[in-house]
Amino acid sequence: MQLAEVLQPRDSFKVNLIPYNPTDAAYSGSTRGAIDAFRAALEEHGVRATVRLTRGRDIDAACGQLAAKAAA
């Protein structure tokens, strides 16, 4: 895994995975299964990783959503 290769020494890093929140942009977020698989792959390569909780999605106030509204 390329990310694990550049994080040296691996036990000095912790990766916070932040799920992409839906906006009117052309991008869509990964499935929970894909996010969990990525986290597991990082951990298999000795990199600590956590998946951040998403809050505010139901009122379009999650990370990235407010910036997208302001730009519109």
N, C-alpha and C. Protein backbone atom coordinates (compact mmCIF):
# COMPACT_ATOMS: atom_id res chain seq x y z
N MET A 1 0.86 -1.18 0.00
CA MET A 1 0.00 0.00 0.00
C MET A 1 0.90 1.24 0.00
N GLN A 2 0.69 2.12 -0.96
CA GLN A 2 1.56 3.28 -1.14
C GLN A 2 1.53 4.24 0.03
N LEU A 3 0.37 4.49 0.61
CA LEU A 3 0.30 5.42 1.74
C LEU A 3 1.14 4.91 2.90
N ALA A 4 1.03 3.64 3.21
CA ALA A 4 1.82 3.06 4.31
C ALA A 4 3.31 3.16 4.01
N GLU A 5 3.69 3.06 2.76
CA GLU A 5 5.11 3.13 2.39
C GLU A 5 5.71 4.49 2.70
N VAL A 6 4.96 5.57 2.50
CA VAL A 6 5.52 6.91 2.73
C VAL A 6 5.45 7.34 4.19
N LEU A 7 4.64 6.68 4.98
CA LEU A 7 4.52 7.03 6.40
C LEU A 7 5.55 6.24 7.19
N GLN A 8 6.71 6.81 7.34
CA GLN A 8 7.81 6.13 8.03
C GLN A 8 8.30 6.98 9.20
N PRO A 9 8.54 6.46 10.36
CA PRO A 9 8.19 5.09 10.74
C PRO A 9 6.68 4.98 10.94
N ARG A 10 6.13 3.90 10.51
CA ARG A 10 4.67 3.71 10.48
C ARG A 10 4.01 3.86 11.84
N ASP A 11 4.69 3.45 12.90
CA ASP A 11 4.07 3.53 14.22
C ASP A 11 4.07 4.95 14.78
N SER A 12 4.59 5.90 14.03
CA SER A 12 4.58 7.31 14.46
C SER A 12 3.38 8.07 13.91
N PHE A 13 2.56 7.42 13.11
CA PHE A 13 1.45 8.09 12.44
C PHE A 13 0.11 7.48 12.83
N LYS A 14 -0.91 8.31 12.78
CA LYS A 14 -2.28 7.85 12.91
C LYS A 14 -3.08 8.57 11.84
N VAL A 15 -3.79 7.82 11.03
CA VAL A 15 -4.57 8.38 9.93
C VAL A 15 -6.03 8.47 10.36
N ASN A 16 -6.60 9.67 10.26
CA ASN A 16 -8.03 9.86 10.51
C ASN A 16 -8.74 9.87 9.17
N LEU A 17 -9.61 8.90 8.97
CA LEU A 17 -10.38 8.81 7.73
C LEU A 17 -11.70 9.54 7.96
N ILE A 18 -11.96 10.54 7.13
CA ILE A 18 -13.16 11.35 7.26
C ILE A 18 -14.04 11.08 6.04
N PRO A 19 -15.18 10.41 6.23
CA PRO A 19 -16.05 10.12 5.10
C PRO A 19 -16.50 11.39 4.38
N TYR A 20 -16.52 11.33 3.06
CA TYR A 20 -16.96 12.46 2.24
C TYR A 20 -18.46 12.66 2.43
N ASN A 21 -18.86 13.88 2.66
CA ASN A 21 -20.27 14.19 2.84
C ASN A 21 -20.88 14.66 1.53
N PRO A 22 -22.09 14.24 1.24
CA PRO A 22 -22.69 14.59 -0.05
C PRO A 22 -22.95 16.09 -0.17
N THR A 23 -22.64 16.60 -1.36
CA THR A 23 -22.93 17.99 -1.71
C THR A 23 -23.47 17.97 -3.13
N ASP A 24 -23.60 19.13 -3.73
CA ASP A 24 -24.05 19.19 -5.12
C ASP A 24 -22.90 18.98 -6.10
N ALA A 25 -21.71 18.64 -5.60
CA ALA A 25 -20.54 18.41 -6.44
C ALA A 25 -20.69 17.10 -7.22
N ALA A 26 -19.83 16.92 -8.16
CA ALA A 26 -19.87 15.72 -9.02
C ALA A 26 -19.33 14.48 -8.32
N TYR A 27 -18.82 14.62 -7.10
CA TYR A 27 -18.21 13.50 -6.39
C TYR A 27 -19.21 12.83 -5.46
N SER A 28 -18.97 11.55 -5.22
CA SER A 28 -19.79 10.83 -4.24
C SER A 28 -18.85 10.16 -3.24
N GLY A 29 -19.37 9.85 -2.08
CA GLY A 29 -18.56 9.24 -1.05
C GLY A 29 -18.41 7.75 -1.23
N SER A 30 -17.44 7.19 -0.54
CA SER A 30 -17.22 5.74 -0.56
C SER A 30 -18.26 5.06 0.32
N THR A 31 -18.49 3.80 0.07
CA THR A 31 -19.39 3.02 0.92
C THR A 31 -18.70 2.76 2.25
N ARG A 32 -19.48 2.44 3.25
CA ARG A 32 -18.91 2.12 4.55
C ARG A 32 -17.99 0.91 4.45
N GLY A 33 -18.37 -0.05 3.61
CA GLY A 33 -17.53 -1.23 3.41
C GLY A 33 -16.17 -0.88 2.83
N ALA A 34 -16.14 0.04 1.87
CA ALA A 34 -14.87 0.46 1.26
C ALA A 34 -14.01 1.21 2.26
N ILE A 35 -14.63 2.05 3.07
CA ILE A 35 -13.91 2.80 4.10
C ILE A 35 -13.30 1.83 5.11
N ASP A 36 -14.09 0.87 5.55
CA ASP A 36 -13.59 -0.11 6.52
C ASP A 36 -12.45 -0.96 5.94
N ALA A 37 -12.55 -1.29 4.65
CA ALA A 37 -11.50 -2.07 3.99
C ALA A 37 -10.20 -1.26 3.91
N PHE A 38 -10.30 0.03 3.63
CA PHE A 38 -9.12 0.88 3.56
C PHE A 38 -8.47 1.00 4.93
N ARG A 39 -9.30 1.19 5.97
CA ARG A 39 -8.78 1.25 7.33
C ARG A 39 -8.07 -0.05 7.69
N ALA A 40 -8.68 -1.18 7.35
CA ALA A 40 -8.08 -2.48 7.66
C ALA A 40 -6.76 -2.66 6.91
N ALA A 41 -6.69 -2.20 5.67
CA ALA A 41 -5.45 -2.33 4.90
C ALA A 41 -4.34 -1.49 5.53
N LEU A 42 -4.67 -0.29 5.98
CA LEU A 42 -3.67 0.54 6.66
C LEU A 42 -3.16 -0.17 7.90
N GLU A 43 -4.08 -0.71 8.70
CA GLU A 43 -3.69 -1.36 9.94
C GLU A 43 -2.87 -2.63 9.67
N GLU A 44 -3.17 -3.34 8.60
CA GLU A 44 -2.39 -4.53 8.23
C GLU A 44 -0.95 -4.15 7.89
N HIS A 45 -0.75 -2.92 7.45
CA HIS A 45 0.59 -2.44 7.11
C HIS A 45 1.23 -1.66 8.26
N GLY A 46 0.63 -1.74 9.45
CA GLY A 46 1.23 -1.14 10.64
C GLY A 46 0.93 0.32 10.87
N VAL A 47 -0.08 0.86 10.17
CA VAL A 47 -0.47 2.26 10.35
C VAL A 47 -1.79 2.31 11.12
N ARG A 48 -1.80 2.99 12.26
CA ARG A 48 -3.05 3.14 13.02
C ARG A 48 -4.01 4.02 12.22
N ALA A 49 -5.28 3.65 12.21
CA ALA A 49 -6.28 4.41 11.47
C ALA A 49 -7.62 4.34 12.17
N THR A 50 -8.34 5.46 12.14
CA THR A 50 -9.70 5.51 12.69
C THR A 50 -10.61 6.16 11.66
N VAL A 51 -11.88 5.81 11.73
CA VAL A 51 -12.89 6.43 10.88
C VAL A 51 -13.65 7.43 11.73
N ARG A 52 -13.62 8.67 11.33
CA ARG A 52 -14.29 9.73 12.08
C ARG A 52 -15.80 9.62 11.92
N LEU A 53 -16.51 10.00 12.97
CA LEU A 53 -17.97 10.03 12.92
C LEU A 53 -18.41 11.21 12.08
N THR A 54 -19.49 11.03 11.36
CA THR A 54 -20.07 12.12 10.57
C THR A 54 -21.24 12.70 11.34
N ARG A 55 -21.17 13.98 11.56
CA ARG A 55 -22.26 14.66 12.27
C ARG A 55 -22.72 15.86 11.46
N GLY A 56 -24.01 16.15 11.51
CA GLY A 56 -24.54 17.31 10.82
C GLY A 56 -24.97 17.05 9.39
N ARG A 57 -24.79 15.81 8.92
CA ARG A 57 -25.15 15.49 7.54
C ARG A 57 -26.64 15.73 7.28
N ASP A 58 -27.47 15.42 8.26
CA ASP A 58 -28.92 15.53 8.08
C ASP A 58 -29.40 16.97 7.90
N ILE A 59 -28.59 17.94 8.30
CA ILE A 59 -28.99 19.35 8.12
C ILE A 59 -28.00 20.09 7.21
N ASP A 60 -27.27 19.32 6.38
CA ASP A 60 -26.29 19.88 5.43
C ASP A 60 -25.24 20.74 6.13
N ALA A 61 -24.83 20.34 7.32
CA ALA A 61 -23.84 21.11 8.07
C ALA A 61 -22.59 20.28 8.40
N ALA A 62 -22.43 19.14 7.73
CA ALA A 62 -21.26 18.31 7.97
C ALA A 62 -20.05 18.91 7.26
N CYS A 63 -18.87 18.41 7.60
CA CYS A 63 -17.63 18.92 7.04
C CYS A 63 -17.71 18.96 5.51
N GLY A 64 -17.46 20.12 4.95
CA GLY A 64 -17.51 20.31 3.51
C GLY A 64 -18.84 20.81 3.00
N GLN A 65 -19.92 20.49 3.66
CA GLN A 65 -21.24 20.88 3.18
C GLN A 65 -21.47 22.38 3.34
N LEU A 66 -21.04 22.96 4.45
CA LEU A 66 -21.24 24.39 4.65
C LEU A 66 -20.43 25.19 3.65
N ALA A 67 -19.20 24.76 3.38
CA ALA A 67 -18.35 25.46 2.40
C ALA A 67 -18.97 25.38 1.02
N ALA A 68 -19.57 24.26 0.68
CA ALA A 68 -20.19 24.09 -0.63
C ALA A 68 -21.39 25.03 -0.77
N LYS A 69 -22.16 25.19 0.30
CA LYS A 69 -23.31 26.12 0.26
C LYS A 69 -22.86 27.56 0.13
N ALA A 70 -21.78 27.91 0.83
CA ALA A 70 -21.29 29.28 0.78
C ALA A 70 -20.77 29.64 -0.59
N ALA A 71 -20.20 28.65 -1.30
CA ALA A 71 -19.65 28.90 -2.62
C ALA A 71 -20.73 28.99 -3.69
N ALA A 72 -21.90 28.45 -3.41
CA ALA A 72 -22.99 28.42 -4.41
C ALA A 72 -23.66 29.77 -4.57
